[in-house]
Amino acid sequence: MSEFQAYLQLGFDHITDSKGYDHILFIMALCTIYTLVDWKKVIVLVTAFTIGHSITLALATMGIVHVNPDVIELLIPVTIVITASLNFFHKSKKNLFTLKENTFSARYPLALFFGLIHGLGFSNYLRALLGKEAAIFTPLLGFNIGLELGQLIIVVIILSIAFVMIEILRVPKINWINILSGIIIGMSLSLIINNKFFQSAL
């Protein structure tokens, strides 16, 4: 196995690892309001997230950006809570901040911005793997592509489940969105409460 293949596998394993489910929760939060028929919107949304985390993954891995890992581990579940909370309002037309159009359009820059935060989280793991290795381009490229492949599989699974629940089993879409978003928020709040930085600040 080449160095590129090795890091591609590591990136794939990292994003799909159930022990590090925070990134999976974020992708779930992003995709909750969609099904397979919305695949074009999801591609744009996930691409925005990809651009964001690719930037900071590269910068942090090269040592250009330095952020306290405990702070990043706190911010990641915060991004999940915010993203999942938006799902509750995507059909509301009560005020300027909860218009369907505004909520949808806001998801794209938010995905990009939150991707920057998640990229810092990915970089902590990659830097630990690299150690003092001088050449990082091939590992960085392989790891990032591995992340994207794993992320794509997660997206397909989430959209497929949503399609079955909503289109075939006829579960009301609003119920599906609210229940899944609530579960995601609950799990994310647990991550926040148990975060080292959060506990030290109490």
C-alpha atoms as a PDB file:
ATOM      1  CA  MET A   1       0.000   0.000   0.000  1.00  0.00           C
ATOM      2  CA  SER A   2       1.362   3.413  -1.006  1.00  0.00           C
ATOM      3  CA  GLU A   3       1.617   6.374   1.354  1.00  0.00           C
ATOM      4  CA  PHE A   4      -1.297   8.051  -0.451  1.00  0.00           C
ATOM      5  CA  GLN A   5      -3.496   4.965  -0.085  1.00  0.00           C
ATOM      6  CA  ALA A   6      -2.577   4.602   3.567  1.00  0.00           C
ATOM      7  CA  TYR A   7      -3.621   8.160   4.419  1.00  0.00           C
ATOM      8  CA  LEU A   8      -6.714   7.898   2.224  1.00  0.00           C
ATOM      9  CA  GLN A   9      -7.764   4.897   4.308  1.00  0.00           C
ATOM     10  CA  LEU A  10      -6.974   6.753   7.530  1.00  0.00           C
ATOM     11  CA  GLY A  11      -9.096   9.720   6.429  1.00  0.00           C
ATOM     12  CA  PHE A  12     -11.975   7.451   5.486  1.00  0.00           C
ATOM     13  CA  ASP A  13     -11.755   5.559   8.780  1.00  0.00           C
ATOM     14  CA  HIS A  14     -11.585   8.797  10.772  1.00  0.00           C
ATOM     15  CA  ILE A  15     -14.804  10.299   9.375  1.00  0.00           C
ATOM     16  CA  THR A  16     -16.722   7.022   9.597  1.00  0.00           C
ATOM     17  CA  ASP A  17     -15.440   5.967  13.033  1.00  0.00           C
ATOM     18  CA  SER A  18     -18.402   5.647  15.403  1.00  0.00           C
ATOM     19  CA  LYS A  19     -16.140   6.625  18.317  1.00  0.00           C
ATOM     20  CA  GLY A  20     -15.652  10.066  16.783  1.00  0.00           C
ATOM     21  CA  TYR A  21     -19.278  10.530  15.909  1.00  0.00           C
ATOM     22  CA  ASP A  22     -19.295  14.326  16.245  1.00  0.00           C
ATOM     23  CA  HIS A  23     -18.493  14.852  12.556  1.00  0.00           C
ATOM     24  CA  ILE A  24     -21.145  12.291  11.589  1.00  0.00           C
ATOM     25  CA  LEU A  25     -23.677  14.200  13.691  1.00  0.00           C
ATOM     26  CA  PHE A  26     -22.822  17.410  11.871  1.00  0.00           C
ATOM     27  CA  ILE A  27     -23.332  15.838   8.453  1.00  0.00           C
ATOM     28  CA  MET A  28     -26.625  14.407   9.705  1.00  0.00           C
ATOM     29  CA  ALA A  29     -27.688  17.861  10.915  1.00  0.00           C
ATOM     30  CA  LEU A  30     -26.853  19.338   7.513  1.00  0.00           C
ATOM     31  CA  CYS A  31     -28.846  16.697   5.626  1.00  0.00           C
ATOM     32  CA  THR A  32     -31.856  16.233   7.929  1.00  0.00           C
ATOM     33  CA  ILE A  33     -34.220  18.431   5.916  1.00  0.00           C
ATOM     34  CA  TYR A  34     -33.380  16.700   2.628  1.00  0.00           C
ATOM     35  CA  THR A  35     -34.077  13.386   0.891  1.00  0.00           C
ATOM     36  CA  LEU A  36     -32.612  11.812  -2.249  1.00  0.00           C
ATOM     37  CA  VAL A  37     -34.731  14.039  -4.492  1.00  0.00           C
ATOM     38  CA  ASP A  38     -32.843  17.055  -3.118  1.00  0.00           C
ATOM     39  CA  TRP A  39     -29.416  15.674  -4.047  1.00  0.00           C
ATOM     40  CA  LYS A  40     -28.385  18.801  -6.008  1.00  0.00           C
ATOM     41  CA  LYS A  41     -28.938  21.048  -2.983  1.00  0.00           C
ATOM     42  CA  VAL A  42     -27.044  18.622  -0.786  1.00  0.00           C
ATOM     43  CA  ILE A  43     -24.077  18.565  -3.185  1.00  0.00           C
ATOM     44  CA  VAL A  44     -23.791  22.371  -2.984  1.00  0.00           C
ATOM     45  CA  LEU A  45     -24.167  22.295   0.800  1.00  0.00           C
ATOM     46  CA  VAL A  46     -21.615  19.542   1.352  1.00  0.00           C
ATOM     47  CA  THR A  47     -19.215  21.204  -1.110  1.00  0.00           C
ATOM     48  CA  ALA A  48     -19.345  24.385   1.000  1.00  0.00           C
ATOM     49  CA  PHE A  49     -18.494  22.331   4.100  1.00  0.00           C
ATOM     50  CA  THR A  50     -15.717  20.553   2.202  1.00  0.00           C
ATOM     51  CA  ILE A  51     -14.130  23.817   1.063  1.00  0.00           C
ATOM     52  CA  GLY A  52     -14.168  25.116   4.618  1.00  0.00           C
ATOM     53  CA  HIS A  53     -12.603  22.126   6.307  1.00  0.00           C
ATOM     54  CA  SER A  54     -10.079  21.610   3.491  1.00  0.00           C
ATOM     55  CA  ILE A  55      -8.715  25.123   4.059  1.00  0.00           C
ATOM     56  CA  THR A  56      -8.141  24.820   7.791  1.00  0.00           C
ATOM     57  CA  LEU A  57      -7.065  21.193   7.554  1.00  0.00           C
ATOM     58  CA  ALA A  58      -4.223  22.291   5.277  1.00  0.00           C
ATOM     59  CA  LEU A  59      -3.327  25.430   7.252  1.00  0.00           C
ATOM     60  CA  ALA A  60      -3.323  23.700  10.637  1.00  0.00           C
ATOM     61  CA  THR A  61      -1.473  20.624   9.398  1.00  0.00           C
ATOM     62  CA  MET A  62       1.269  22.864   7.956  1.00  0.00           C
ATOM     63  CA  GLY A  63       1.529  24.672  11.278  1.00  0.00           C
ATOM     64  CA  ILE A  64       0.249  28.016   9.977  1.00  0.00           C
ATOM     65  CA  VAL A  65      -2.768  28.025  12.293  1.00  0.00           C
ATOM     66  CA  HIS A  66      -2.667  26.980  15.948  1.00  0.00           C
ATOM     67  CA  VAL A  67      -5.787  26.581  18.100  1.00  0.00           C
ATOM     68  CA  ASN A  68      -6.278  24.881  21.466  1.00  0.00           C
ATOM     69  CA  PRO A  69      -7.605  21.356  20.635  1.00  0.00           C
ATOM     70  CA  ASP A  70      -9.963  21.432  23.637  1.00  0.00           C
ATOM     71  CA  VAL A  71     -11.542  24.640  22.335  1.00  0.00           C
ATOM     72  CA  ILE A  72     -12.061  23.070  18.902  1.00  0.00           C
ATOM     73  CA  GLU A  73     -13.577  19.965  20.482  1.00  0.00           C
ATOM     74  CA  LEU A  74     -16.024  22.283  22.242  1.00  0.00           C
ATOM     75  CA  LEU A  75     -16.835  24.351  19.152  1.00  0.00           C
ATOM     76  CA  ILE A  76     -17.580  21.319  16.973  1.00  0.00           C
ATOM     77  CA  PRO A  77     -20.672  20.191  18.954  1.00  0.00           C
ATOM     78  CA  VAL A  78     -21.717  23.853  19.185  1.00  0.00           C
ATOM     79  CA  THR A  79     -21.790  23.975  15.360  1.00  0.00           C
ATOM     80  CA  ILE A  80     -23.909  20.815  15.398  1.00  0.00           C
ATOM     81  CA  VAL A  81     -26.443  22.302  17.833  1.00  0.00           C
ATOM     82  CA  ILE A  82     -26.775  25.469  15.744  1.00  0.00           C
ATOM     83  CA  THR A  83     -27.154  23.552  12.471  1.00  0.00           C
ATOM     84  CA  ALA A  84     -29.695  21.114  13.897  1.00  0.00           C
ATOM     85  CA  SER A  85     -31.638  23.964  15.524  1.00  0.00           C
ATOM     86  CA  LEU A  86     -32.038  25.656  12.136  1.00  0.00           C
ATOM     87  CA  ASN A  87     -33.887  22.558  10.959  1.00  0.00           C
ATOM     88  CA  PHE A  88     -36.819  23.373  13.241  1.00  0.00           C
ATOM     89  CA  PHE A  89     -37.460  26.641  11.397  1.00  0.00           C
ATOM     90  CA  HIS A  90     -36.919  25.794   7.756  1.00  0.00           C
ATOM     91  CA  LYS A  91     -40.662  26.004   6.961  1.00  0.00           C
ATOM     92  CA  SER A  92     -41.615  28.791   9.313  1.00  0.00           C
ATOM     93  CA  LYS A  93     -42.732  32.144   7.903  1.00  0.00           C
ATOM     94  CA  LYS A  94     -43.282  33.965  11.174  1.00  0.00           C
ATOM     95  CA  ASN A  95     -40.508  36.517  10.927  1.00  0.00           C
ATOM     96  CA  LEU A  96     -37.472  37.669   8.991  1.00  0.00           C
ATOM     97  CA  PHE A  97     -35.107  35.291  10.747  1.00  0.00           C
ATOM     98  CA  THR A  98     -37.142  32.143  10.119  1.00  0.00           C
ATOM     99  CA  LEU A  99     -38.243  32.565   6.523  1.00  0.00           C
ATOM    100  CA  LYS A 100     -37.812  29.401   4.516  1.00  0.00           C
ATOM    101  CA  GLU A 101     -35.715  31.171   1.912  1.00  0.00           C
ATOM    102  CA  ASN A 102     -33.463  32.871   4.461  1.00  0.00           C
ATOM    103  CA  THR A 103     -32.934  29.653   6.390  1.00  0.00           C
ATOM    104  CA  PHE A 104     -31.967  27.742   3.279  1.00  0.00           C
ATOM    105  CA  SER A 105     -29.642  30.441   1.990  1.00  0.00           C
ATOM    106  CA  ALA A 106     -28.045  30.821   5.415  1.00  0.00           C
ATOM    107  CA  ARG A 107     -27.148  27.116   5.473  1.00  0.00           C
ATOM    108  CA  TYR A 108     -24.512  27.487   2.747  1.00  0.00           C
ATOM    109  CA  PRO A 109     -22.277  30.162   4.324  1.00  0.00           C
ATOM    110  CA  LEU A 110     -22.805  28.489   7.701  1.00  0.00           C
ATOM    111  CA  ALA A 111     -21.659  25.151   6.272  1.00  0.00           C
ATOM    112  CA  LEU A 112     -18.564  26.877   4.879  1.00  0.00           C
ATOM    113  CA  PHE A 113     -17.791  28.642   8.158  1.00  0.00           C
ATOM    114  CA  PHE A 114     -18.453  25.586  10.306  1.00  0.00           C
ATOM    115  CA  GLY A 115     -16.289  23.581   7.913  1.00  0.00           C
ATOM    116  CA  LEU A 116     -13.372  25.793   8.922  1.00  0.00           C
ATOM    117  CA  ILE A 117     -13.890  24.719  12.542  1.00  0.00           C
ATOM    118  CA  HIS A 118     -14.232  21.034  11.701  1.00  0.00           C
ATOM    119  CA  GLY A 119     -11.056  21.207   9.607  1.00  0.00           C
ATOM    120  CA  LEU A 120      -9.133  22.183  12.731  1.00  0.00           C
ATOM    121  CA  GLY A 121     -10.554  19.112  14.438  1.00  0.00           C
ATOM    122  CA  PHE A 122      -9.455  16.865  11.573  1.00  0.00           C
ATOM    123  CA  SER A 123      -5.989  18.429  11.651  1.00  0.00           C
ATOM    124  CA  ASN A 124      -5.385  17.455  15.290  1.00  0.00           C
ATOM    125  CA  TYR A 125      -5.732  13.808  14.298  1.00  0.00           C
ATOM    126  CA  LEU A 126      -3.655  14.160  11.128  1.00  0.00           C
ATOM    127  CA  ARG A 127      -0.813  16.003  12.875  1.00  0.00           C
ATOM    128  CA  ALA A 128      -0.643  13.201  15.444  1.00  0.00           C
ATOM    129  CA  LEU A 129      -0.252  10.712  12.596  1.00  0.00           C
ATOM    130  CA  LEU A 130       2.374  12.729  10.749  1.00  0.00           C
ATOM    131  CA  GLY A 131       4.610  13.404  13.748  1.00  0.00           C
ATOM    132  CA  LYS A 132       7.752  15.139  12.473  1.00  0.00           C
ATOM    133  CA  GLU A 133       7.352  13.967   8.898  1.00  0.00           C
ATOM    134  CA  ALA A 134       8.647  16.673   6.538  1.00  0.00           C
ATOM    135  CA  ALA A 135       6.653  15.935   3.380  1.00  0.00           C
ATOM    136  CA  ILE A 136       2.970  16.474   4.074  1.00  0.00           C
ATOM    137  CA  PHE A 137       1.394  17.103   0.655  1.00  0.00           C
ATOM    138  CA  THR A 138       0.721  13.450  -0.187  1.00  0.00           C
ATOM    139  CA  PRO A 139      -0.561  12.548   3.308  1.00  0.00           C
ATOM    140  CA  LEU A 140      -2.707  15.691   3.369  1.00  0.00           C
ATOM    141  CA  LEU A 141      -4.202  15.003  -0.050  1.00  0.00           C
ATOM    142  CA  GLY A 142      -4.855  11.336   0.688  1.00  0.00           C
ATOM    143  CA  PHE A 143      -6.363  12.069   4.100  1.00  0.00           C
ATOM    144  CA  ASN A 144      -8.646  14.794   2.714  1.00  0.00           C
ATOM    145  CA  ILE A 145      -9.907  12.622  -0.140  1.00  0.00           C
ATOM    146  CA  GLY A 146     -10.517   9.799   2.341  1.00  0.00           C
ATOM    147  CA  LEU A 147     -12.581  12.187   4.454  1.00  0.00           C
ATOM    148  CA  GLU A 148     -14.656  13.153   1.438  1.00  0.00           C
ATOM    149  CA  LEU A 149     -15.303   9.571   0.384  1.00  0.00           C
ATOM    150  CA  GLY A 150     -16.464   8.688   3.887  1.00  0.00           C
ATOM    151  CA  GLN A 151     -18.556  11.836   4.072  1.00  0.00           C
ATOM    152  CA  LEU A 152     -20.210  11.005   0.736  1.00  0.00           C
ATOM    153  CA  ILE A 153     -21.203   7.554   1.962  1.00  0.00           C
ATOM    154  CA  ILE A 154     -22.689   9.033   5.142  1.00  0.00           C
ATOM    155  CA  VAL A 155     -24.695  11.537   3.082  1.00  0.00           C
ATOM    156  CA  VAL A 156     -26.074   8.807   0.792  1.00  0.00           C
ATOM    157  CA  ILE A 157     -27.104   6.704   3.789  1.00  0.00           C
ATOM    158  CA  ILE A 158     -28.846   9.619   5.524  1.00  0.00           C
ATOM    159  CA  LEU A 159     -30.690  10.722   2.374  1.00  0.00           C
ATOM    160  CA  SER A 160     -31.725   7.148   1.610  1.00  0.00           C
ATOM    161  CA  ILE A 161     -33.141   6.613   5.095  1.00  0.00           C
ATOM    162  CA  ALA A 162     -34.997   9.923   4.860  1.00  0.00           C
ATOM    163  CA  PHE A 163     -36.404   8.938   1.466  1.00  0.00           C
ATOM    164  CA  VAL A 164     -37.683   5.618   2.809  1.00  0.00           C
ATOM    165  CA  MET A 165     -39.192   7.188   5.931  1.00  0.00           C
ATOM    166  CA  ILE A 166     -40.852  10.136   4.183  1.00  0.00           C
ATOM    167  CA  GLU A 167     -41.660   8.941   0.662  1.00  0.00           C
ATOM    168  CA  ILE A 168     -42.347   5.244   1.260  1.00  0.00           C
ATOM    169  CA  LEU A 169     -43.428   4.874   4.891  1.00  0.00           C
ATOM    170  CA  ARG A 170     -45.200   8.234   4.697  1.00  0.00           C
ATOM    171  CA  VAL A 171     -43.833   9.605   7.947  1.00  0.00           C
ATOM    172  CA  PRO A 172     -44.705  13.337   7.976  1.00  0.00           C
ATOM    173  CA  LYS A 173     -41.589  15.212   6.937  1.00  0.00           C
ATOM    174  CA  ILE A 174     -41.916  17.729   9.742  1.00  0.00           C
ATOM    175  CA  ASN A 175     -42.026  14.904  12.293  1.00  0.00           C
ATOM    176  CA  TRP A 176     -38.935  13.271  10.794  1.00  0.00           C
ATOM    177  CA  ILE A 177     -37.032  16.568  10.828  1.00  0.00           C
ATOM    178  CA  ASN A 178     -38.021  17.507  14.372  1.00  0.00           C
ATOM    179  CA  ILE A 179     -37.352  14.097  15.920  1.00  0.00           C
ATOM    180  CA  LEU A 180     -33.988  13.581  14.209  1.00  0.00           C
ATOM    181  CA  SER A 181     -32.874  17.153  14.918  1.00  0.00           C
ATOM    182  CA  GLY A 182     -33.869  16.766  18.558  1.00  0.00           C
ATOM    183  CA  ILE A 183     -31.820  13.580  18.895  1.00  0.00           C
ATOM    184  CA  ILE A 184     -28.811  15.244  17.253  1.00  0.00           C
ATOM    185  CA  ILE A 185     -29.063  18.258  19.576  1.00  0.00           C
ATOM    186  CA  GLY A 186     -29.343  16.032  22.644  1.00  0.00           C
ATOM    187  CA  MET A 187     -26.231  14.049  21.715  1.00  0.00           C
ATOM    188  CA  SER A 188     -24.326  17.245  20.908  1.00  0.00           C
ATOM    189  CA  LEU A 189     -25.218  18.855  24.227  1.00  0.00           C
ATOM    190  CA  SER A 190     -23.778  15.785  25.928  1.00  0.00           C
ATOM    191  CA  LEU A 191     -20.499  16.351  24.062  1.00  0.00           C
ATOM    192  CA  ILE A 192     -20.478  20.000  25.158  1.00  0.00           C
ATOM    193  CA  ILE A 193     -21.125  19.184  28.809  1.00  0.00           C
ATOM    194  CA  ASN A 194     -18.363  16.556  28.867  1.00  0.00           C
ATOM    195  CA  ASN A 195     -15.816  18.733  27.053  1.00  0.00           C
ATOM    196  CA  LYS A 196     -12.620  19.406  29.025  1.00  0.00           C
ATOM    197  CA  PHE A 197     -12.546  23.117  28.199  1.00  0.00           C
ATOM    198  CA  PHE A 198     -16.209  23.554  29.129  1.00  0.00           C
ATOM    199  CA  GLN A 199     -15.791  21.744  32.452  1.00  0.00           C
ATOM    200  CA  SER A 200     -12.675  23.743  33.341  1.00  0.00           C
ATOM    201  CA  ALA A 201     -14.585  26.975  32.704  1.00  0.00           C
ATOM    202  CA  LEU A 202     -17.332  26.030  35.190  1.00  0.00           C
END
